[in-house]
Amino acid sequence: MLMGVIGLKGVQDLEAKVNRAFFDPMCGTLNAIKPNRNSHSHTYLKATMAIDAPSVTIKHCQTIYSGLRDIDNVLQQLT
């Protein structure tokens, strides 16, 4: 999605300047929650369907937010 806004060169610059300590865990967390998100979003809830505890969801959100905040900081520097 960013490529459409800032172009290929902008994405390459972003990836070169982003802090990997935030970016890599964010990507890993997004990849980890994607299967559960898809199954919960595209099917009806069943009594046997497991849902993460709020503490787990909050931890995922904090990791993703840290990565997005770092991306935002880098994008602000690129402009």
Protein backbone atom coordinates (compact mmCIF):
# COMPACT_ATOMS: atom_id res chain seq x y z
CA MET A 1 0.00 0.00 0.00
CA LEU A 2 2.85 2.37 0.79
CA MET A 3 4.36 1.80 -2.64
CA GLY A 4 1.35 3.48 -4.21
CA VAL A 5 1.82 6.53 -2.00
CA ILE A 6 5.60 6.97 -1.75
CA GLY A 7 6.81 4.82 -4.64
CA LEU A 8 9.34 2.01 -4.81
CA LYS A 9 12.27 4.29 -4.00
CA GLY A 10 10.44 5.62 -0.94
CA VAL A 11 9.72 2.11 0.31
CA GLN A 12 13.35 1.13 -0.19
CA ASP A 13 14.47 4.23 1.74
CA LEU A 14 11.96 3.44 4.48
CA GLU A 15 13.16 -0.16 4.82
CA ALA A 16 16.78 1.00 4.98
CA LYS A 17 16.10 3.52 7.75
CA VAL A 18 13.52 1.70 9.87
CA ASN A 19 14.62 0.38 13.26
CA ARG A 20 14.71 -3.41 12.90
CA ALA A 21 14.20 -3.82 16.65
CA PHE A 22 10.62 -2.58 16.13
CA PHE A 23 9.95 -3.53 12.50
CA ASP A 24 10.85 -7.24 12.60
CA PRO A 25 8.77 -8.06 15.71
CA MET A 26 5.84 -6.13 14.20
CA CYS A 27 6.02 -8.17 10.98
CA GLY A 28 6.34 -11.40 12.95
CA THR A 29 3.33 -10.54 15.10
CA LEU A 30 1.23 -9.62 12.07
CA ASN A 31 2.13 -12.91 10.39
CA ALA A 32 1.33 -14.82 13.59
CA ILE A 33 -2.12 -13.31 14.10
CA LYS A 34 -3.20 -13.40 10.44
CA PRO A 35 -4.51 -17.01 10.36
CA ASN A 36 -6.64 -16.53 13.50
CA ARG A 37 -7.84 -13.16 12.27
CA ASN A 38 -8.91 -14.64 8.95
CA SER A 39 -10.71 -17.58 10.51
CA HIS A 40 -12.54 -15.35 12.99
CA SER A 41 -13.41 -12.74 10.39
CA HIS A 42 -14.66 -15.04 7.66
CA THR A 43 -16.63 -17.64 9.61
CA TYR A 44 -19.32 -17.64 12.23
CA LEU A 45 -18.13 -18.03 15.81
CA LYS A 46 -18.53 -21.54 17.11
CA ALA A 47 -18.58 -22.67 20.71
CA THR A 48 -15.33 -24.57 20.16
CA MET A 49 -13.46 -21.64 18.58
CA ALA A 50 -10.57 -20.42 20.72
CA ILE A 51 -10.08 -16.68 21.13
CA ASP A 52 -6.92 -15.13 22.57
CA ALA A 53 -7.03 -13.68 26.05
CA PRO A 54 -7.16 -9.88 26.30
CA SER A 55 -3.63 -9.82 27.72
CA VAL A 56 -2.32 -11.62 24.62
CA THR A 57 -4.20 -9.27 22.29
CA ILE A 58 -2.91 -6.21 24.15
CA LYS A 59 0.68 -7.48 23.85
CA HIS A 60 0.21 -8.01 20.10
CA CYS A 61 -1.24 -4.52 19.74
CA GLN A 62 1.67 -2.96 21.64
CA THR A 63 4.20 -4.70 19.40
CA ILE A 64 2.38 -3.64 16.23
CA TYR A 65 1.93 -0.08 17.50
CA SER A 66 5.66 0.25 18.25
CA GLY A 67 6.50 -0.82 14.71
CA LEU A 68 3.93 1.50 13.15
CA ARG A 69 5.12 4.41 15.27
CA ASP A 70 8.68 3.83 14.07
CA ILE A 71 7.51 3.68 10.45
CA ASP A 72 5.65 6.96 10.98
CA ASN A 73 8.79 8.58 12.41
CA VAL A 74 10.85 7.45 9.41
CA LEU A 75 8.19 8.67 6.97
CA GLN A 76 8.17 12.07 8.69
CA GLN A 77 11.95 12.27 8.19
CA LEU A 78 11.70 11.31 4.50
CA THR A 79 9.45 14.27 3.68
